Amino acid sequence: MRHPLTSAQQQLGGQTDKYWAAFARTGNPNVKGQESWPRVTPGADPVLGLHPGGSTVSTTAFLGAHQCDFWGNP
């Protein structure tokens, strides 16, 4: 069963398409007029969260916040 997308979900899809297209075209996902994709540097692992209705940039340590060590090699 298909469920129609809300306008916020459609907008998110368009935003995501623009990021991917920019990255494929230039190697840089940033698009004028959209939230800037944060640069990852040693000691800083910011995350751009794309959500219907808005985007957020988080400076929380992504790996720890999502318990990624759990999925590490045994």
PDB file of N, CA and C in Angstrom:
ATOM      1  N   MET A   1       0.849  -1.177   0.000  1.00  0.00           N
ATOM      2  CA  MET A   1       0.000   0.000   0.000  1.00  0.00           C
ATOM      3  C   MET A   1       0.890   1.234   0.000  1.00  0.00           C
ATOM      4  N   ARG A   2       0.638   2.134  -0.904  1.00  0.00           N
ATOM      5  CA  ARG A   2       1.409   3.367  -0.994  1.00  0.00           C
ATOM      6  C   ARG A   2       0.742   4.457  -0.173  1.00  0.00           C
ATOM      7  N   HIS A   3       1.566   5.243   0.486  1.00  0.00           N
ATOM      8  CA  HIS A   3       1.080   6.365   1.274  1.00  0.00           C
ATOM      9  C   HIS A   3       1.610   7.650   0.641  1.00  0.00           C
ATOM     10  N   PRO A   4       0.748   8.611   0.381  1.00  0.00           N
ATOM     11  CA  PRO A   4       1.223   9.860  -0.216  1.00  0.00           C
ATOM     12  C   PRO A   4       2.139  10.617   0.753  1.00  0.00           C
ATOM     13  N   LEU A   5       3.123  11.291   0.184  1.00  0.00           N
ATOM     14  CA  LEU A   5       4.044  12.075   0.996  1.00  0.00           C
ATOM     15  C   LEU A   5       3.401  13.404   1.370  1.00  0.00           C
ATOM     16  N   THR A   6       3.740  13.864   2.573  1.00  0.00           N
ATOM     17  CA  THR A   6       3.300  15.194   2.985  1.00  0.00           C
ATOM     18  C   THR A   6       4.129  16.228   2.233  1.00  0.00           C
ATOM     19  N   SER A   7       3.707  17.472   2.267  1.00  0.00           N
ATOM     20  CA  SER A   7       4.486  18.514   1.588  1.00  0.00           C
ATOM     21  C   SER A   7       5.873  18.652   2.216  1.00  0.00           C
ATOM     22  N   ALA A   8       5.978  18.480   3.540  1.00  0.00           N
ATOM     23  CA  ALA A   8       7.289  18.552   4.208  1.00  0.00           C
ATOM     24  C   ALA A   8       8.188  17.405   3.745  1.00  0.00           C
ATOM     25  N   GLN A   9       7.626  16.224   3.549  1.00  0.00           N
ATOM     26  CA  GLN A   9       8.411  15.084   3.072  1.00  0.00           C
ATOM     27  C   GLN A   9       8.845  15.295   1.627  1.00  0.00           C
ATOM     28  N   GLN A  10       7.974  15.867   0.799  1.00  0.00           N
ATOM     29  CA  GLN A  10       8.333  16.167  -0.581  1.00  0.00           C
ATOM     30  C   GLN A  10       9.445  17.205  -0.637  1.00  0.00           C
ATOM     31  N   GLN A  11       9.356  18.214   0.227  1.00  0.00           N
ATOM     32  CA  GLN A  11      10.394  19.245   0.286  1.00  0.00           C
ATOM     33  C   GLN A  11      11.724  18.627   0.710  1.00  0.00           C
ATOM     34  N   LEU A  12      11.702  17.727   1.684  1.00  0.00           N
ATOM     35  CA  LEU A  12      12.913  17.051   2.136  1.00  0.00           C
ATOM     36  C   LEU A  12      13.522  16.230   1.004  1.00  0.00           C
ATOM     37  N   GLY A  13      12.679  15.544   0.236  1.00  0.00           N
ATOM     38  CA  GLY A  13      13.175  14.776  -0.896  1.00  0.00           C
ATOM     39  C   GLY A  13      13.866  15.659  -1.921  1.00  0.00           C
ATOM     40  N   GLY A  14      13.278  16.810  -2.208  1.00  0.00           N
ATOM     41  CA  GLY A  14      13.892  17.744  -3.143  1.00  0.00           C
ATOM     42  C   GLY A  14      15.206  18.287  -2.620  1.00  0.00           C
ATOM     43  N   GLN A  15      15.241  18.578  -1.337  1.00  0.00           N
ATOM     44  CA  GLN A  15      16.469  19.091  -0.702  1.00  0.00           C
ATOM     45  C   GLN A  15      17.573  18.034  -0.791  1.00  0.00           C
ATOM     46  N   THR A  16      17.222  16.803  -0.493  1.00  0.00           N
ATOM     47  CA  THR A  16      18.195  15.709  -0.535  1.00  0.00           C
ATOM     48  C   THR A  16      18.716  15.514  -1.961  1.00  0.00           C
ATOM     49  N   ASP A  17      17.809  15.571  -2.938  1.00  0.00           N
ATOM     50  CA  ASP A  17      18.226  15.447  -4.339  1.00  0.00           C
ATOM     51  C   ASP A  17      19.237  16.528  -4.705  1.00  0.00           C
ATOM     52  N   LYS A  18      19.013  17.748  -4.245  1.00  0.00           N
ATOM     53  CA  LYS A  18      19.931  18.846  -4.556  1.00  0.00           C
ATOM     54  C   LYS A  18      21.302  18.622  -3.940  1.00  0.00           C
ATOM     55  N   TYR A  19      21.342  18.129  -2.685  1.00  0.00           N
ATOM     56  CA  TYR A  19      22.624  17.830  -2.050  1.00  0.00           C
ATOM     57  C   TYR A  19      23.383  16.758  -2.844  1.00  0.00           C
ATOM     58  N   TRP A  20      22.685  15.668  -3.192  1.00  0.00           N
ATOM     59  CA  TRP A  20      23.329  14.578  -3.930  1.00  0.00           C
ATOM     60  C   TRP A  20      23.819  15.059  -5.291  1.00  0.00           C
ATOM     61  N   ALA A  21      23.004  15.830  -6.008  1.00  0.00           N
ATOM     62  CA  ALA A  21      23.394  16.317  -7.329  1.00  0.00           C
ATOM     63  C   ALA A  21      24.622  17.219  -7.245  1.00  0.00           C
ATOM     64  N   ALA A  22      24.645  18.107  -6.256  1.00  0.00           N
ATOM     65  CA  ALA A  22      25.798  18.992  -6.080  1.00  0.00           C
ATOM     66  C   ALA A  22      27.048  18.182  -5.761  1.00  0.00           C
ATOM     67  N   PHE A  23      26.906  17.181  -4.914  1.00  0.00           N
ATOM     68  CA  PHE A  23      28.050  16.347  -4.547  1.00  0.00           C
ATOM     69  C   PHE A  23      28.559  15.565  -5.761  1.00  0.00           C
ATOM     70  N   ALA A  24      27.652  15.013  -6.555  1.00  0.00           N
ATOM     71  CA  ALA A  24      28.053  14.266  -7.749  1.00  0.00           C
ATOM     72  C   ALA A  24      28.723  15.177  -8.778  1.00  0.00           C
ATOM     73  N   ARG A  25      28.231  16.385  -8.886  1.00  0.00           N
ATOM     74  CA  ARG A  25      28.735  17.326  -9.884  1.00  0.00           C
ATOM     75  C   ARG A  25      30.077  17.933  -9.485  1.00  0.00           C
ATOM     76  N   THR A  26      30.239  18.278  -8.188  1.00  0.00           N
ATOM     77  CA  THR A  26      31.410  19.061  -7.773  1.00  0.00           C
ATOM     78  C   THR A  26      32.258  18.419  -6.676  1.00  0.00           C
ATOM     79  N   GLY A  27      31.733  17.382  -6.021  1.00  0.00           N
ATOM     80  CA  GLY A  27      32.434  16.812  -4.868  1.00  0.00           C
ATOM     81  C   GLY A  27      32.129  17.563  -3.582  1.00  0.00           C
ATOM     82  N   ASN A  28      31.269  18.562  -3.662  1.00  0.00           N
ATOM     83  CA  ASN A  28      30.870  19.372  -2.508  1.00  0.00           C
ATOM     84  C   ASN A  28      29.338  19.370  -2.449  1.00  0.00           C
ATOM     85  N   PRO A  29      28.738  18.890  -1.361  1.00  0.00           N
ATOM     86  CA  PRO A  29      27.279  18.793  -1.304  1.00  0.00           C
ATOM     87  C   PRO A  29      26.559  20.111  -1.043  1.00  0.00           C
ATOM     88  N   ASN A  30      27.282  21.172  -0.712  1.00  0.00           N
ATOM     89  CA  ASN A  30      26.621  22.431  -0.356  1.00  0.00           C
ATOM     90  C   ASN A  30      25.891  23.049  -1.541  1.00  0.00           C
ATOM     91  N   VAL A  31      24.708  23.570  -1.246  1.00  0.00           N
ATOM     92  CA  VAL A  31      23.834  24.183  -2.245  1.00  0.00           C
ATOM     93  C   VAL A  31      23.415  25.550  -1.724  1.00  0.00           C
ATOM     94  N   LYS A  32      23.526  26.562  -2.571  1.00  0.00           N
ATOM     95  CA  LYS A  32      23.125  27.907  -2.169  1.00  0.00           C
ATOM     96  C   LYS A  32      21.650  27.913  -1.755  1.00  0.00           C
ATOM     97  N   GLY A  33      21.368  28.536  -0.615  1.00  0.00           N
ATOM     98  CA  GLY A  33      19.996  28.637  -0.132  1.00  0.00           C
ATOM     99  C   GLY A  33      19.558  27.495   0.760  1.00  0.00           C
ATOM    100  N   GLN A  34      20.435  26.531   0.985  1.00  0.00           N
ATOM    101  CA  GLN A  34      20.122  25.420   1.886  1.00  0.00           C
ATOM    102  C   GLN A  34      21.125  25.407   3.038  1.00  0.00           C
ATOM    103  N   GLU A  35      20.772  24.709   4.088  1.00  0.00           N
ATOM    104  CA  GLU A  35      21.674  24.550   5.242  1.00  0.00           C
ATOM    105  C   GLU A  35      23.014  24.026   4.750  1.00  0.00           C
ATOM    106  N   SER A  36      24.117  24.647   5.207  1.00  0.00           N
ATOM    107  CA  SER A  36      25.452  24.207   4.800  1.00  0.00           C
ATOM    108  C   SER A  36      25.800  22.870   5.428  1.00  0.00           C
ATOM    109  N   TRP A  37      26.390  22.033   4.615  1.00  0.00           N
ATOM    110  CA  TRP A  37      26.861  20.739   5.092  1.00  0.00           C
ATOM    111  C   TRP A  37      28.124  21.007   5.888  1.00  0.00           C
ATOM    112  N   PRO A  38      28.180  20.625   7.169  1.00  0.00           N
ATOM    113  CA  PRO A  38      29.347  20.970   7.986  1.00  0.00           C
ATOM    114  C   PRO A  38      30.586  20.169   7.600  1.00  0.00           C
ATOM    115  N   ARG A  39      31.732  20.831   7.691  1.00  0.00           N
ATOM    116  CA  ARG A  39      33.003  20.159   7.388  1.00  0.00           C
ATOM    117  C   ARG A  39      33.438  19.342   8.605  1.00  0.00           C
ATOM    118  N   VAL A  40      33.844  18.112   8.352  1.00  0.00           N
ATOM    119  CA  VAL A  40      34.363  17.245   9.400  1.00  0.00           C
ATOM    120  C   VAL A  40      35.872  17.428   9.443  1.00  0.00           C
ATOM    121  N   THR A  41      36.381  17.672  10.637  1.00  0.00           N
ATOM    122  CA  THR A  41      37.813  17.861  10.830  1.00  0.00           C
ATOM    123  C   THR A  41      38.253  16.979  11.993  1.00  0.00           C
ATOM    124  N   PRO A  42      39.558  16.740  12.138  1.00  0.00           N
ATOM    125  CA  PRO A  42      40.011  15.949  13.282  1.00  0.00           C
ATOM    126  C   PRO A  42      39.499  16.555  14.591  1.00  0.00           C
ATOM    127  N   GLY A  43      38.858  15.764  15.375  1.00  0.00           N
ATOM    128  CA  GLY A  43      38.334  16.215  16.658  1.00  0.00           C
ATOM    129  C   GLY A  43      36.948  16.816  16.593  1.00  0.00           C
ATOM    130  N   ALA A  44      36.388  16.976  15.413  1.00  0.00           N
ATOM    131  CA  ALA A  44      35.041  17.536  15.277  1.00  0.00           C
ATOM    132  C   ALA A  44      34.270  16.706  14.255  1.00  0.00           C
ATOM    133  N   ASP A  45      33.166  16.153  14.690  1.00  0.00           N
ATOM    134  CA  ASP A  45      32.369  15.342  13.765  1.00  0.00           C
ATOM    135  C   ASP A  45      30.917  15.821  13.743  1.00  0.00           C
ATOM    136  N   PRO A  46      30.708  17.060  13.251  1.00  0.00           N
ATOM    137  CA  PRO A  46      29.345  17.582  13.189  1.00  0.00           C
ATOM    138  C   PRO A  46      28.496  16.774  12.207  1.00  0.00           C
ATOM    139  N   VAL A  47      27.205  16.735  12.466  1.00  0.00           N
ATOM    140  CA  VAL A  47      26.276  15.977  11.635  1.00  0.00           C
ATOM    141  C   VAL A  47      25.153  16.894  11.182  1.00  0.00           C
ATOM    142  N   LEU A  48      24.835  16.840   9.896  1.00  0.00           N
ATOM    143  CA  LEU A  48      23.693  17.567   9.376  1.00  0.00           C
ATOM    144  C   LEU A  48      22.520  16.596   9.361  1.00  0.00           C
ATOM    145  N   GLY A  49      21.509  16.886  10.167  1.00  0.00           N
ATOM    146  CA  GLY A  49      20.316  16.053  10.222  1.00  0.00           C
ATOM    147  C   GLY A  49      19.237  16.627   9.323  1.00  0.00           C
ATOM    148  N   LEU A  50      18.817  15.858   8.340  1.00  0.00           N
ATOM    149  CA  LEU A  50      17.771  16.293   7.431  1.00  0.00           C
ATOM    150  C   LEU A  50      16.456  15.687   7.895  1.00  0.00           C
ATOM    151  N   HIS A  51      15.480  16.545   8.152  1.00  0.00           N
ATOM    152  CA  HIS A  51      14.187  16.102   8.680  1.00  0.00           C
ATOM    153  C   HIS A  51      13.065  16.823   7.942  1.00  0.00           C
ATOM    154  N   PRO A  52      11.925  16.168   7.777  1.00  0.00           N
ATOM    155  CA  PRO A  52      10.787  16.895   7.206  1.00  0.00           C
ATOM    156  C   PRO A  52      10.483  18.121   8.066  1.00  0.00           C
ATOM    157  N   GLY A  53      10.398  19.271   7.466  1.00  0.00           N
ATOM    158  CA  GLY A  53      10.093  20.484   8.211  1.00  0.00           C
ATOM    159  C   GLY A  53      11.293  21.263   8.672  1.00  0.00           C
ATOM    160  N   GLY A  54      12.526  20.753   8.431  1.00  0.00           N
ATOM    161  CA  GLY A  54      13.711  21.505   8.824  1.00  0.00           C
ATOM    162  C   GLY A  54      14.937  20.643   8.969  1.00  0.00           C
ATOM    163  N   SER A  55      16.081  21.282   8.983  1.00  0.00           N
ATOM    164  CA  SER A  55      17.354  20.591   9.123  1.00  0.00           C
ATOM    165  C   SER A  55      18.054  21.097  10.373  1.00  0.00           C
ATOM    166  N   THR A  56      18.908  20.268  10.930  1.00  0.00           N
ATOM    167  CA  THR A  56      19.656  20.658  12.122  1.00  0.00           C
ATOM    168  C   THR A  56      21.113  20.270  11.963  1.00  0.00           C
ATOM    169  N   VAL A  57      21.994  21.063  12.528  1.00  0.00           N
ATOM    170  CA  VAL A  57      23.405  20.715  12.599  1.00  0.00           C
ATOM    171  C   VAL A  57      23.696  20.419  14.059  1.00  0.00           C
ATOM    172  N   SER A  58      24.226  19.244  14.305  1.00  0.00           N
ATOM    173  CA  SER A  58      24.516  18.819  15.661  1.00  0.00           C
ATOM    174  C   SER A  58      26.011  18.661  15.843  1.00  0.00           C
ATOM    175  N   THR A  59      26.509  19.103  16.968  1.00  0.00           N
ATOM    176  CA  THR A  59      27.922  18.907  17.275  1.00  0.00           C
ATOM    177  C   THR A  59      28.106  17.749  18.254  1.00  0.00           C
ATOM    178  N   THR A  60      27.020  17.058  18.556  1.00  0.00           N
ATOM    179  CA  THR A  60      27.106  15.888  19.417  1.00  0.00           C
ATOM    180  C   THR A  60      27.926  14.823  18.711  1.00  0.00           C
ATOM    181  N   ALA A  61      28.740  14.137  19.441  1.00  0.00           N
ATOM    182  CA  ALA A  61      29.539  13.068  18.856  1.00  0.00           C
ATOM    183  C   ALA A  61      28.599  11.994  18.302  1.00  0.00           C
ATOM    184  N   PHE A  62      28.510  11.910  16.996  1.00  0.00           N
ATOM    185  CA  PHE A  62      27.568  11.019  16.329  1.00  0.00           C
ATOM    186  C   PHE A  62      27.789   9.559  16.730  1.00  0.00           C
ATOM    187  N   LEU A  63      29.041   9.125  16.707  1.00  0.00           N
ATOM    188  CA  LEU A  63      29.320   7.721  17.000  1.00  0.00           C
ATOM    189  C   LEU A  63      28.852   7.328  18.389  1.00  0.00           C
ATOM    190  N   GLY A  64      29.131   8.164  19.372  1.00  0.00           N
ATOM    191  CA  GLY A  64      28.714   7.864  20.738  1.00  0.00           C
ATOM    192  C   GLY A  64      27.220   7.988  20.935  1.00  0.00           C
ATOM    193  N   ALA A  65      26.623   9.017  20.340  1.00  0.00           N
ATOM    194  CA  ALA A  65      25.195   9.242  20.495  1.00  0.00           C
ATOM    195  C   ALA A  65      24.372   8.111  19.900  1.00  0.00           C
ATOM    196  N   HIS A  66      24.895   7.479  18.873  1.00  0.00           N
ATOM    197  CA  HIS A  66      24.170   6.391  18.214  1.00  0.00           C
ATOM    198  C   HIS A  66      24.730   5.024  18.557  1.00  0.00           C
ATOM    199  N   GLN A  67      25.610   4.988  19.549  1.00  0.00           N
ATOM    200  CA  GLN A  67      26.184   3.743  20.060  1.00  0.00           C
ATOM    201  C   GLN A  67      26.791   2.889  18.946  1.00  0.00           C
ATOM    202  N   CYS A  68      27.553   3.537  18.066  1.00  0.00           N
ATOM    203  CA  CYS A  68      28.122   2.853  16.920  1.00  0.00           C
ATOM    204  C   CYS A  68      29.167   1.812  17.322  1.00  0.00           C
ATOM    205  N   ASP A  69      29.789   1.966  18.484  1.00  0.00           N
ATOM    206  CA  ASP A  69      30.772   0.963  18.934  1.00  0.00           C
ATOM    207  C   ASP A  69      30.142  -0.407  19.056  1.00  0.00           C
ATOM    208  N   PHE A  70      28.854  -0.458  19.318  1.00  0.00           N
ATOM    209  CA  PHE A  70      28.132  -1.729  19.429  1.00  0.00           C
ATOM    210  C   PHE A  70      28.288  -2.557  18.159  1.00  0.00           C
ATOM    211  N   TRP A  71      28.360  -1.877  16.988  1.00  0.00           N
ATOM    212  CA  TRP A  71      28.394  -2.562  15.699  1.00  0.00           C
ATOM    213  C   TRP A  71      29.816  -2.813  15.228  1.00  0.00           C
ATOM    214  N   GLY A  72      30.817  -2.510  16.070  1.00  0.00           N
ATOM    215  CA  GLY A  72      32.201  -2.704  15.687  1.00  0.00           C
ATOM    216  C   GLY A  72      32.557  -4.175  15.511  1.00  0.00           C
ATOM    217  N   ASN A  73      33.751  -4.400  15.006  1.00  0.00           N
ATOM    218  CA  ASN A  73      34.222  -5.770  14.803  1.00  0.00           C
ATOM    219  C   ASN A  73      34.443  -6.459  16.138  1.00  0.00           C
ATOM    220  N   PRO A  74      34.116  -7.737  16.208  1.00  0.00           N
ATOM    221  CA  PRO A  74      34.315  -8.490  17.484  1.00  0.00           C
ATOM    222  C   PRO A  74      35.774  -8.697  17.798  1.00  0.00           C
TER     223      PRO A  74
END
